[in-house]
mmCIF file of all heavy atoms, coordinates in Angstrom:
data_MODEL
# 
_entry.id   MODEL 
# 
loop_
_atom_site.group_PDB 
_atom_site.id 
_atom_site.type_symbol 
_atom_site.label_atom_id 
_atom_site.label_alt_id 
_atom_site.label_comp_id 
_atom_site.label_asym_id 
_atom_site.label_entity_id 
_atom_site.label_seq_id 
_atom_site.pdbx_PDB_ins_code 
_atom_site.Cartn_x 
_atom_site.Cartn_y 
_atom_site.Cartn_z 
_atom_site.occupancy 
_atom_site.B_iso_or_equiv 
_atom_site.pdbx_formal_charge 
_atom_site.auth_seq_id 
_atom_site.auth_comp_id 
_atom_site.auth_asym_id 
_atom_site.auth_atom_id 
_atom_site.pdbx_PDB_model_num 
ATOM 1   N N   . ASP A 1 1  ? -14.274 -20.175 -32.613 1.00 0.00 ? 1  ASP A N   1 
ATOM 2   C CA  . ASP A 1 1  ? -13.853 -19.239 -31.582 1.00 0.00 ? 1  ASP A CA  1 
ATOM 3   C C   . ASP A 1 1  ? -13.372 -20.056 -30.392 1.00 0.00 ? 1  ASP A C   1 
ATOM 4   O O   . ASP A 1 1  ? -13.759 -21.219 -30.216 1.00 0.00 ? 1  ASP A O   1 
ATOM 5   C CB  . ASP A 1 1  ? -14.989 -18.314 -31.170 1.00 0.00 ? 1  ASP A CB  1 
ATOM 6   C CG  . ASP A 1 1  ? -14.494 -17.068 -30.442 1.00 0.00 ? 1  ASP A CG  1 
ATOM 7   O OD1 . ASP A 1 1  ? -13.258 -16.856 -30.393 1.00 0.00 ? 1  ASP A OD1 1 
ATOM 8   O OD2 . ASP A 1 1  ? -15.319 -16.305 -29.920 1.00 0.00 ? 1  ASP A OD2 1 
ATOM 9   N N   . LEU A 1 2  ? -12.523 -19.449 -29.595 1.00 0.00 ? 2  LEU A N   1 
ATOM 10  C CA  . LEU A 1 2  ? -11.853 -20.162 -28.517 1.00 0.00 ? 2  LEU A CA  1 
ATOM 11  C C   . LEU A 1 2  ? -11.820 -19.307 -27.264 1.00 0.00 ? 2  LEU A C   1 
ATOM 12  O O   . LEU A 1 2  ? -11.467 -18.127 -27.321 1.00 0.00 ? 2  LEU A O   1 
ATOM 13  C CB  . LEU A 1 2  ? -10.426 -20.523 -28.953 1.00 0.00 ? 2  LEU A CB  1 
ATOM 14  C CG  . LEU A 1 2  ? -9.482  -21.149 -27.936 1.00 0.00 ? 2  LEU A CG  1 
ATOM 15  C CD1 . LEU A 1 2  ? -10.015 -22.505 -27.472 1.00 0.00 ? 2  LEU A CD1 1 
ATOM 16  C CD2 . LEU A 1 2  ? -8.096  -21.315 -28.548 1.00 0.00 ? 2  LEU A CD2 1 
ATOM 17  N N   . ALA A 1 3  ? -12.207 -19.896 -26.148 1.00 0.00 ? 3  ALA A N   1 
ATOM 18  C CA  . ALA A 1 3  ? -12.130 -19.213 -24.858 1.00 0.00 ? 3  ALA A CA  1 
ATOM 19  C C   . ALA A 1 3  ? -11.655 -20.211 -23.816 1.00 0.00 ? 3  ALA A C   1 
ATOM 20  O O   . ALA A 1 3  ? -11.688 -21.433 -24.034 1.00 0.00 ? 3  ALA A O   1 
ATOM 21  C CB  . ALA A 1 3  ? -13.487 -18.634 -24.462 1.00 0.00 ? 3  ALA A CB  1 
ATOM 22  N N   . GLY A 1 4  ? -11.200 -19.694 -22.685 1.00 0.00 ? 4  GLY A N   1 
ATOM 23  C CA  . GLY A 1 4  ? -10.689 -20.576 -21.647 1.00 0.00 ? 4  GLY A CA  1 
ATOM 24  C C   . GLY A 1 4  ? -10.982 -20.061 -20.257 1.00 0.00 ? 4  GLY A C   1 
ATOM 25  O O   . GLY A 1 4  ? -11.401 -18.909 -20.062 1.00 0.00 ? 4  GLY A O   1 
ATOM 26  N N   . PHE A 1 5  ? -10.743 -20.916 -19.296 1.00 0.00 ? 5  PHE A N   1 
ATOM 27  C CA  . PHE A 1 5  ? -11.000 -20.615 -17.889 1.00 0.00 ? 5  PHE A CA  1 
ATOM 28  C C   . PHE A 1 5  ? -9.969  -21.342 -17.054 1.00 0.00 ? 5  PHE A C   1 
ATOM 29  O O   . PHE A 1 5  ? -9.698  -22.523 -17.280 1.00 0.00 ? 5  PHE A O   1 
ATOM 30  C CB  . PHE A 1 5  ? -12.407 -21.089 -17.519 1.00 0.00 ? 5  PHE A CB  1 
ATOM 31  C CG  . PHE A 1 5  ? -12.718 -21.012 -16.054 1.00 0.00 ? 5  PHE A CG  1 
ATOM 32  C CD1 . PHE A 1 5  ? -13.140 -19.827 -15.487 1.00 0.00 ? 5  PHE A CD1 1 
ATOM 33  C CD2 . PHE A 1 5  ? -12.609 -22.132 -15.241 1.00 0.00 ? 5  PHE A CD2 1 
ATOM 34  C CE1 . PHE A 1 5  ? -13.444 -19.758 -14.136 1.00 0.00 ? 5  PHE A CE1 1 
ATOM 35  C CE2 . PHE A 1 5  ? -12.904 -22.068 -13.888 1.00 0.00 ? 5  PHE A CE2 1 
ATOM 36  C CZ  . PHE A 1 5  ? -13.327 -20.874 -13.332 1.00 0.00 ? 5  PHE A CZ  1 
ATOM 37  N N   . SER A 1 6  ? -9.370  -20.631 -16.109 1.00 0.00 ? 6  SER A N   1 
ATOM 38  C CA  . SER A 1 6  ? -8.341  -21.252 -15.272 1.00 0.00 ? 6  SER A CA  1 
ATOM 39  C C   . SER A 1 6  ? -8.567  -20.909 -13.811 1.00 0.00 ? 6  SER A C   1 
ATOM 40  O O   . SER A 1 6  ? -9.135  -19.857 -13.484 1.00 0.00 ? 6  SER A O   1 
ATOM 41  C CB  . SER A 1 6  ? -6.951  -20.783 -15.709 1.00 0.00 ? 6  SER A CB  1 
ATOM 42  O OG  . SER A 1 6  ? -5.940  -21.498 -15.025 1.00 0.00 ? 6  SER A OG  1 
ATOM 43  N N   . VAL A 1 7  ? -8.124  -21.804 -12.935 1.00 0.00 ? 7  VAL A N   1 
ATOM 44  C CA  . VAL A 1 7  ? -8.195  -21.595 -11.493 1.00 0.00 ? 7  VAL A CA  1 
ATOM 45  C C   . VAL A 1 7  ? -6.812  -21.806 -10.898 1.00 0.00 ? 7  VAL A C   1 
ATOM 46  O O   . VAL A 1 7  ? -6.110  -22.760 -11.262 1.00 0.00 ? 7  VAL A O   1 
ATOM 47  C CB  . VAL A 1 7  ? -9.208  -22.554 -10.833 1.00 0.00 ? 7  VAL A CB  1 
ATOM 48  C CG1 . VAL A 1 7  ? -9.124  -22.473 -9.309  1.00 0.00 ? 7  VAL A CG1 1 
ATOM 49  C CG2 . VAL A 1 7  ? -10.624 -22.232 -11.291 1.00 0.00 ? 7  VAL A CG2 1 
ATOM 50  N N   . GLY A 1 8  ? -6.422  -20.895 -10.002 1.00 0.00 ? 8  GLY A N   1 
ATOM 51  C CA  . GLY A 1 8  ? -5.150  -21.022 -9.311  1.00 0.00 ? 8  GLY A CA  1 
ATOM 52  C C   . GLY A 1 8  ? -5.345  -20.918 -7.817  1.00 0.00 ? 8  GLY A C   1 
ATOM 53  O O   . GLY A 1 8  ? -6.472  -20.728 -7.336  1.00 0.00 ? 8  GLY A O   1 
ATOM 54  N N   . VAL A 1 9  ? -4.257  -21.031 -7.077  1.00 0.00 ? 9  VAL A N   1 
ATOM 55  C CA  . VAL A 1 9  ? -4.333  -20.956 -5.618  1.00 0.00 ? 9  VAL A CA  1 
ATOM 56  C C   . VAL A 1 9  ? -3.176  -20.128 -5.072  1.00 0.00 ? 9  VAL A C   1 
ATOM 57  O O   . VAL A 1 9  ? -2.075  -20.141 -5.627  1.00 0.00 ? 9  VAL A O   1 
ATOM 58  C CB  . VAL A 1 9  ? -4.328  -22.371 -4.990  1.00 0.00 ? 9  VAL A CB  1 
ATOM 59  C CG1 . VAL A 1 9  ? -2.986  -23.071 -5.218  1.00 0.00 ? 9  VAL A CG1 1 
ATOM 60  C CG2 . VAL A 1 9  ? -4.661  -22.312 -3.507  1.00 0.00 ? 9  VAL A CG2 1 
ATOM 61  N N   . VAL A 1 10 ? -3.459  -19.405 -4.000  1.00 0.00 ? 10 VAL A N   1 
ATOM 62  C CA  . VAL A 1 10 ? -2.439  -18.625 -3.319  1.00 0.00 ? 10 VAL A CA  1 
ATOM 63  C C   . VAL A 1 10 ? -2.769  -18.617 -1.838  1.00 0.00 ? 10 VAL A C   1 
ATOM 64  O O   . VAL A 1 10 ? -3.941  -18.624 -1.451  1.00 0.00 ? 10 VAL A O   1 
ATOM 65  C CB  . VAL A 1 10 ? -2.363  -17.179 -3.876  1.00 0.00 ? 10 VAL A CB  1 
ATOM 66  C CG1 . VAL A 1 10 ? -3.671  -16.436 -3.674  1.00 0.00 ? 10 VAL A CG1 1 
ATOM 67  C CG2 . VAL A 1 10 ? -1.211  -16.412 -3.249  1.00 0.00 ? 10 VAL A CG2 1 
ATOM 68  N N   . ASP A 1 11 ? -1.746  -18.638 -1.001  1.00 0.00 ? 11 ASP A N   1 
ATOM 69  C CA  . ASP A 1 11 ? -1.945  -18.495 0.433   1.00 0.00 ? 11 ASP A CA  1 
ATOM 70  C C   . ASP A 1 11 ? -2.422  -17.063 0.697   1.00 0.00 ? 11 ASP A C   1 
ATOM 71  O O   . ASP A 1 11 ? -1.865  -16.106 0.145   1.00 0.00 ? 11 ASP A O   1 
ATOM 72  C CB  . ASP A 1 11 ? -0.627  -18.758 1.174   1.00 0.00 ? 11 ASP A CB  1 
ATOM 73  C CG  . ASP A 1 11 ? -0.847  -19.134 2.629   1.00 0.00 ? 11 ASP A CG  1 
ATOM 74  O OD1 . ASP A 1 11 ? -1.809  -18.620 3.224   1.00 0.00 ? 11 ASP A OD1 1 
ATOM 75  O OD2 . ASP A 1 11 ? -0.060  -19.942 3.157   1.00 0.00 ? 11 ASP A OD2 1 
ATOM 76  N N   . LYS A 1 12 ? -3.451  -16.911 1.516   1.00 0.00 ? 12 LYS A N   1 
ATOM 77  C CA  . LYS A 1 12 ? -4.045  -15.595 1.738   1.00 0.00 ? 12 LYS A CA  1 
ATOM 78  C C   . LYS A 1 12 ? -3.012  -14.559 2.171   1.00 0.00 ? 12 LYS A C   1 
ATOM 79  O O   . LYS A 1 12 ? -3.075  -13.392 1.763   1.00 0.00 ? 12 LYS A O   1 
ATOM 80  C CB  . LYS A 1 12 ? -5.164  -15.679 2.761   1.00 0.00 ? 12 LYS A CB  1 
ATOM 81  C CG  . LYS A 1 12 ? -5.973  -14.395 2.892   1.00 0.00 ? 12 LYS A CG  1 
ATOM 82  C CD  . LYS A 1 12 ? -7.211  -14.569 3.762   1.00 0.00 ? 12 LYS A CD  1 
ATOM 83  C CE  . LYS A 1 12 ? -8.027  -13.279 3.780   1.00 0.00 ? 12 LYS A CE  1 
ATOM 84  N NZ  . LYS A 1 12 ? -9.270  -13.429 4.576   1.00 0.00 ? 12 LYS A NZ  1 
ATOM 85  N N   . CYS A 1 13 ? -2.049  -14.974 2.974   1.00 0.00 ? 13 CYS A N   1 
ATOM 86  C CA  . CYS A 1 13 ? -1.043  -14.033 3.469   1.00 0.00 ? 13 CYS A CA  1 
ATOM 87  C C   . CYS A 1 13 ? -0.058  -13.606 2.384   1.00 0.00 ? 13 CYS A C   1 
ATOM 88  O O   . CYS A 1 13 ? 0.716   -12.673 2.587   1.00 0.00 ? 13 CYS A O   1 
ATOM 89  C CB  . CYS A 1 13 ? -0.290  -14.633 4.650   1.00 0.00 ? 13 CYS A CB  1 
ATOM 90  S SG  . CYS A 1 13 ? 0.718   -16.071 4.234   1.00 0.00 ? 13 CYS A SG  1 
ATOM 91  N N   . LYS A 1 14 ? -0.085  -14.283 1.224   1.00 0.00 ? 14 LYS A N   1 
ATOM 92  C CA  . LYS A 1 14 ? 0.847   -13.972 0.150   1.00 0.00 ? 14 LYS A CA  1 
ATOM 93  C C   . LYS A 1 14 ? 0.178   -13.316 -1.062  1.00 0.00 ? 14 LYS A C   1 
ATOM 94  O O   . LYS A 1 14 ? 0.814   -13.125 -2.096  1.00 0.00 ? 14 LYS A O   1 
ATOM 95  C CB  . LYS A 1 14 ? 1.587   -15.238 -0.294  1.00 0.00 ? 14 LYS A CB  1 
ATOM 96  C CG  . LYS A 1 14 ? 2.463   -15.846 0.800   1.00 0.00 ? 14 LYS A CG  1 
ATOM 97  C CD  . LYS A 1 14 ? 3.181   -17.081 0.299   1.00 0.00 ? 14 LYS A CD  1 
ATOM 98  C CE  . LYS A 1 14 ? 4.071   -17.667 1.398   1.00 0.00 ? 14 LYS A CE  1 
ATOM 99  N NZ  . LYS A 1 14 ? 4.764   -18.896 0.941   1.00 0.00 ? 14 LYS A NZ  1 
ATOM 100 N N   . ILE A 1 15 ? -1.098  -12.979 -0.928  1.00 0.00 ? 15 ILE A N   1 
ATOM 101 C CA  . ILE A 1 15 ? -1.797  -12.326 -2.041  1.00 0.00 ? 15 ILE A CA  1 
ATOM 102 C C   . ILE A 1 15 ? -1.177  -10.955 -2.308  1.00 0.00 ? 15 ILE A C   1 
ATOM 103 O O   . ILE A 1 15 ? -0.986  -10.156 -1.392  1.00 0.00 ? 15 ILE A O   1 
ATOM 104 C CB  . ILE A 1 15 ? -3.303  -12.154 -1.730  1.00 0.00 ? 15 ILE A CB  1 
ATOM 105 C CG1 . ILE A 1 15 ? -3.977  -13.529 -1.625  1.00 0.00 ? 15 ILE A CG1 1 
ATOM 106 C CG2 . ILE A 1 15 ? -3.986  -11.319 -2.816  1.00 0.00 ? 15 ILE A CG2 1 
ATOM 107 C CD1 . ILE A 1 15 ? -5.433  -13.454 -1.199  1.00 0.00 ? 15 ILE A CD1 1 
ATOM 108 N N   . LEU A 1 16 ? -0.856  -10.698 -3.573  1.00 0.00 ? 16 LEU A N   1 
ATOM 109 C CA  . LEU A 1 16 ? -0.301  -9.400  -3.945  1.00 0.00 ? 16 LEU A CA  1 
ATOM 110 C C   . LEU A 1 16 ? -1.429  -8.392  -4.133  1.00 0.00 ? 16 LEU A C   1 
ATOM 111 O O   . LEU A 1 16 ? -2.427  -8.672  -4.791  1.00 0.00 ? 16 LEU A O   1 
ATOM 112 C CB  . LEU A 1 16 ? 0.497   -9.507  -5.235  1.00 0.00 ? 16 LEU A CB  1 
ATOM 113 C CG  . LEU A 1 16 ? 1.744   -10.396 -5.221  1.00 0.00 ? 16 LEU A CG  1 
ATOM 114 C CD1 . LEU A 1 16 ? 2.420   -10.340 -6.586  1.00 0.00 ? 16 LEU A CD1 1 
ATOM 115 C CD2 . LEU A 1 16 ? 2.716   -9.979  -4.140  1.00 0.00 ? 16 LEU A CD2 1 
ATOM 116 N N   . ASP A 1 17 ? -1.269  -7.223  -3.534  1.00 0.00 ? 17 ASP A N   1 
ATOM 117 C CA  . ASP A 1 17 ? -2.176  -6.112  -3.794  1.00 0.00 ? 17 ASP A CA  1 
ATOM 118 C C   . ASP A 1 17 ? -1.324  -4.845  -3.942  1.00 0.00 ? 17 ASP A C   1 
ATOM 119 O O   . ASP A 1 17 ? -0.112  -4.936  -4.109  1.00 0.00 ? 17 ASP A O   1 
ATOM 120 C CB  . ASP A 1 17 ? -3.231  -5.971  -2.696  1.00 0.00 ? 17 ASP A CB  1 
ATOM 121 C CG  . ASP A 1 17 ? -2.623  -5.816  -1.304  1.00 0.00 ? 17 ASP A CG  1 
ATOM 122 O OD1 . ASP A 1 17 ? -1.507  -5.257  -1.206  1.00 0.00 ? 17 ASP A OD1 1 
ATOM 123 O OD2 . ASP A 1 17 ? -3.253  -6.234  -0.320  1.00 0.00 ? 17 ASP A OD2 1 
ATOM 124 N N   . THR A 1 18 ? -1.929  -3.711  -3.886  1.00 0.00 ? 18 THR A N   1 
ATOM 125 C CA  . THR A 1 18 ? -1.167  -2.474  -4.122  1.00 0.00 ? 18 THR A CA  1 
ATOM 126 C C   . THR A 1 18 ? -0.796  -1.741  -2.829  1.00 0.00 ? 18 THR A C   1 
ATOM 127 O O   . THR A 1 18 ? -0.195  -0.671  -2.887  1.00 0.00 ? 18 THR A O   1 
ATOM 128 C CB  . THR A 1 18 ? -1.985  -1.522  -5.009  1.00 0.00 ? 18 THR A CB  1 
ATOM 129 O OG1 . THR A 1 18 ? -3.184  -1.131  -4.302  1.00 0.00 ? 18 THR A OG1 1 
ATOM 130 C CG2 . THR A 1 18 ? -2.372  -2.195  -6.318  1.00 0.00 ? 18 THR A CG2 1 
ATOM 131 N N   . ALA A 1 19 ? -1.137  -2.334  -1.677  1.00 0.00 ? 19 ALA A N   1 
ATOM 132 C CA  . ALA A 1 19 ? -1.001  -1.612  -0.399  1.00 0.00 ? 19 ALA A CA  1 
ATOM 133 C C   . ALA A 1 19 ? 0.431   -1.200  -0.082  1.00 0.00 ? 19 ALA A C   1 
ATOM 134 O O   . ALA A 1 19 ? 0.660   -0.153  0.531   1.00 0.00 ? 19 ALA A O   1 
ATOM 135 C CB  . ALA A 1 19 ? -1.567  -2.461  0.737   1.00 0.00 ? 19 ALA A CB  1 
ATOM 136 N N   . SER A 1 20 ? 1.397   -2.011  -0.494  1.00 0.00 ? 20 SER A N   1 
ATOM 137 C CA  . SER A 1 20 ? 2.788   -1.728  -0.121  1.00 0.00 ? 20 SER A CA  1 
ATOM 138 C C   . SER A 1 20 ? 3.523   -0.863  -1.140  1.00 0.00 ? 20 SER A C   1 
ATOM 139 O O   . SER A 1 20 ? 4.685   -0.500  -0.934  1.00 0.00 ? 20 SER A O   1 
ATOM 140 C CB  . SER A 1 20 ? 3.555   -3.038  0.073   1.00 0.00 ? 20 SER A CB  1 
ATOM 141 O OG  . SER A 1 20 ? 3.633   -3.757  -1.154  1.00 0.00 ? 20 SER A OG  1 
ATOM 142 N N   . VAL A 1 21 ? 2.880   -0.531  -2.260  1.00 0.00 ? 21 VAL A N   1 
ATOM 143 C CA  . VAL A 1 21 ? 3.528   0.271   -3.304  1.00 0.00 ? 21 VAL A CA  1 
ATOM 144 C C   . VAL A 1 21 ? 3.705   1.714   -2.837  1.00 0.00 ? 21 VAL A C   1 
ATOM 145 O O   . VAL A 1 21 ? 2.776   2.327   -2.292  1.00 0.00 ? 21 VAL A O   1 
ATOM 146 C CB  . VAL A 1 21 ? 2.709   0.232   -4.610  1.00 0.00 ? 21 VAL A CB  1 
ATOM 147 C CG1 . VAL A 1 21 ? 3.361   1.115   -5.673  1.00 0.00 ? 21 VAL A CG1 1 
ATOM 148 C CG2 . VAL A 1 21 ? 2.575   -1.200  -5.120  1.00 0.00 ? 21 VAL A CG2 1 
ATOM 149 N N   . ARG A 1 22 ? 4.891   2.255   -3.049  1.00 0.00 ? 22 ARG A N   1 
ATOM 150 C CA  . ARG A 1 22 ? 5.213   3.610   -2.632  1.00 0.00 ? 22 ARG A CA  1 
ATOM 151 C C   . ARG A 1 22 ? 5.799   4.409   -3.793  1.00 0.00 ? 22 ARG A C   1 
ATOM 152 O O   . ARG A 1 22 ? 6.392   3.844   -4.720  1.00 0.00 ? 22 ARG A O   1 
ATOM 153 C CB  . ARG A 1 22 ? 6.247   3.592   -1.487  1.00 0.00 ? 22 ARG A CB  1 
ATOM 154 C CG  . ARG A 1 22 ? 5.786   2.852   -0.242  1.00 0.00 ? 22 ARG A CG  1 
ATOM 155 C CD  . ARG A 1 22 ? 4.741   3.642   0.527   1.00 0.00 ? 22 ARG A CD  1 
ATOM 156 N NE  . ARG A 1 22 ? 4.382   2.969   1.773   1.00 0.00 ? 22 ARG A NE  1 
ATOM 157 C CZ  . ARG A 1 22 ? 3.382   2.085   1.885   1.00 0.00 ? 22 ARG A CZ  1 
ATOM 158 N NH1 . ARG A 1 22 ? 2.665   1.783   0.808   1.00 0.00 ? 22 ARG A NH1 1 
ATOM 159 N NH2 . ARG A 1 22 ? 3.112   1.537   3.051   1.00 0.00 ? 22 ARG A NH2 1 
ATOM 160 N N   . SER A 1 23 ? 5.663   5.708   -3.721  1.00 0.00 ? 23 SER A N   1 
ATOM 161 C CA  . SER A 1 23 ? 6.324   6.580   -4.686  1.00 0.00 ? 23 SER A CA  1 
ATOM 162 C C   . SER A 1 23 ? 7.824   6.348   -4.603  1.00 0.00 ? 23 SER A C   1 
ATOM 163 O O   . SER A 1 23 ? 8.398   6.273   -3.518  1.00 0.00 ? 23 SER A O   1 
ATOM 164 C CB  . SER A 1 23 ? 5.998   8.044   -4.384  1.00 0.00 ? 23 SER A CB  1 
ATOM 165 O OG  . SER A 1 23 ? 6.670   8.902   -5.273  1.00 0.00 ? 23 SER A OG  1 
ATOM 166 N N   . GLY A 1 24 ? 8.475   6.224   -5.750  1.00 0.00 ? 24 GLY A N   1 
ATOM 167 C CA  . GLY A 1 24 ? 9.903   5.932   -5.790  1.00 0.00 ? 24 GLY A CA  1 
ATOM 168 C C   . GLY A 1 24 ? 10.210  4.475   -6.034  1.00 0.00 ? 24 GLY A C   1 
ATOM 169 O O   . GLY A 1 24 ? 11.364  4.118   -6.337  1.00 0.00 ? 24 GLY A O   1 
ATOM 170 N N   . ASP A 1 25 ? 9.194   3.608   -5.921  1.00 0.00 ? 25 ASP A N   1 
ATOM 171 C CA  . ASP A 1 25 ? 9.405   2.206   -6.271  1.00 0.00 ? 25 ASP A CA  1 
ATOM 172 C C   . ASP A 1 25 ? 9.692   2.087   -7.768  1.00 0.00 ? 25 ASP A C   1 
ATOM 173 O O   . ASP A 1 25 ? 9.320   2.954   -8.566  1.00 0.00 ? 25 ASP A O   1 
ATOM 174 C CB  . ASP A 1 25 ? 8.178   1.365   -5.906  1.00 0.00 ? 25 ASP A CB  1 
ATOM 175 C CG  . ASP A 1 25 ? 8.096   1.070   -4.409  1.00 0.00 ? 25 ASP A CG  1 
ATOM 176 O OD1 . ASP A 1 25 ? 9.133   1.149   -3.736  1.00 0.00 ? 25 ASP A OD1 1 
ATOM 177 O OD2 . ASP A 1 25 ? 6.985   0.754   -3.925  1.00 0.00 ? 25 ASP A OD2 1 
ATOM 178 N N   . VAL A 1 26 ? 10.335  0.999   -8.129  1.00 0.00 ? 26 VAL A N   1 
ATOM 179 C CA  . VAL A 1 26 ? 10.804  0.817   -9.505  1.00 0.00 ? 26 VAL A CA  1 
ATOM 180 C C   . VAL A 1 26 ? 9.874   -0.120  -10.277 1.00 0.00 ? 26 VAL A C   1 
ATOM 181 O O   . VAL A 1 26 ? 9.396   -1.124  -9.736  1.00 0.00 ? 26 VAL A O   1 
ATOM 182 C CB  . VAL A 1 26 ? 12.242  0.261   -9.507  1.00 0.00 ? 26 VAL A CB  1 
ATOM 183 C CG1 . VAL A 1 26 ? 12.721  -0.002  -10.933 1.00 0.00 ? 26 VAL A CG1 1 
ATOM 184 C CG2 . VAL A 1 26 ? 13.176  1.231   -8.801  1.00 0.00 ? 26 VAL A CG2 1 
ATOM 185 N N   . ILE A 1 27 ? 9.638   0.226   -11.544 1.00 0.00 ? 27 ILE A N   1 
ATOM 186 C CA  . ILE A 1 27 ? 8.818   -0.614  -12.431 1.00 0.00 ? 27 ILE A CA  1 
ATOM 187 C C   . ILE A 1 27 ? 9.744   -1.344  -13.399 1.00 0.00 ? 27 ILE A C   1 
ATOM 188 O O   . ILE A 1 27 ? 10.477  -0.709  -14.165 1.00 0.00 ? 27 ILE A O   1 
ATOM 189 C CB  . ILE A 1 27 ? 7.798   0.228   -13.211 1.00 0.00 ? 27 ILE A CB  1 
ATOM 190 C CG1 . ILE A 1 27 ? 6.859   0.960   -12.234 1.00 0.00 ? 27 ILE A CG1 1 
ATOM 191 C CG2 . ILE A 1 27 ? 6.995   -0.650  -14.165 1.00 0.00 ? 27 ILE A CG2 1 
ATOM 192 C CD1 . ILE A 1 27 ? 5.924   1.945   -12.914 1.00 0.00 ? 27 ILE A CD1 1 
ATOM 193 N N   . ILE A 1 28 ? 9.712   -2.660  -13.344 1.00 0.00 ? 28 ILE A N   1 
ATOM 194 C CA  . ILE A 1 28 ? 10.514  -3.511  -14.227 1.00 0.00 ? 28 ILE A CA  1 
ATOM 195 C C   . ILE A 1 28 ? 9.616   -4.071  -15.318 1.00 0.00 ? 28 ILE A C   1 
ATOM 196 O O   . ILE A 1 28 ? 8.513   -4.572  -15.038 1.00 0.00 ? 28 ILE A O   1 
ATOM 197 C CB  . ILE A 1 28 ? 11.173  -4.658  -13.439 1.00 0.00 ? 28 ILE A CB  1 
ATOM 198 C CG1 . ILE A 1 28 ? 12.169  -4.096  -12.417 1.00 0.00 ? 28 ILE A CG1 1 
ATOM 199 C CG2 . ILE A 1 28 ? 11.873  -5.642  -14.380 1.00 0.00 ? 28 ILE A CG2 1 
ATOM 200 C CD1 . ILE A 1 28 ? 12.753  -5.153  -11.498 1.00 0.00 ? 28 ILE A CD1 1 
ATOM 201 N N   . GLY A 1 29 ? 10.059  -3.983  -16.563 1.00 0.00 ? 29 GLY A N   1 
ATOM 202 C CA  . GLY A 1 29 ? 9.305   -4.526  -17.684 1.00 0.00 ? 29 GLY A CA  1 
ATOM 203 C C   . GLY A 1 29 ? 9.832   -5.886  -18.096 1.00 0.00 ? 29 GLY A C   1 
ATOM 204 O O   . GLY A 1 29 ? 11.044  -6.070  -18.229 1.00 0.00 ? 29 GLY A O   1 
# 
């Protein structure tokens, strides 16, 4: 069996969350 663990970094001011999402925004696949 195989499992993994990773660590990344992001500037706090650039963290993506859902706060700016609005109705009418477009979803790209």
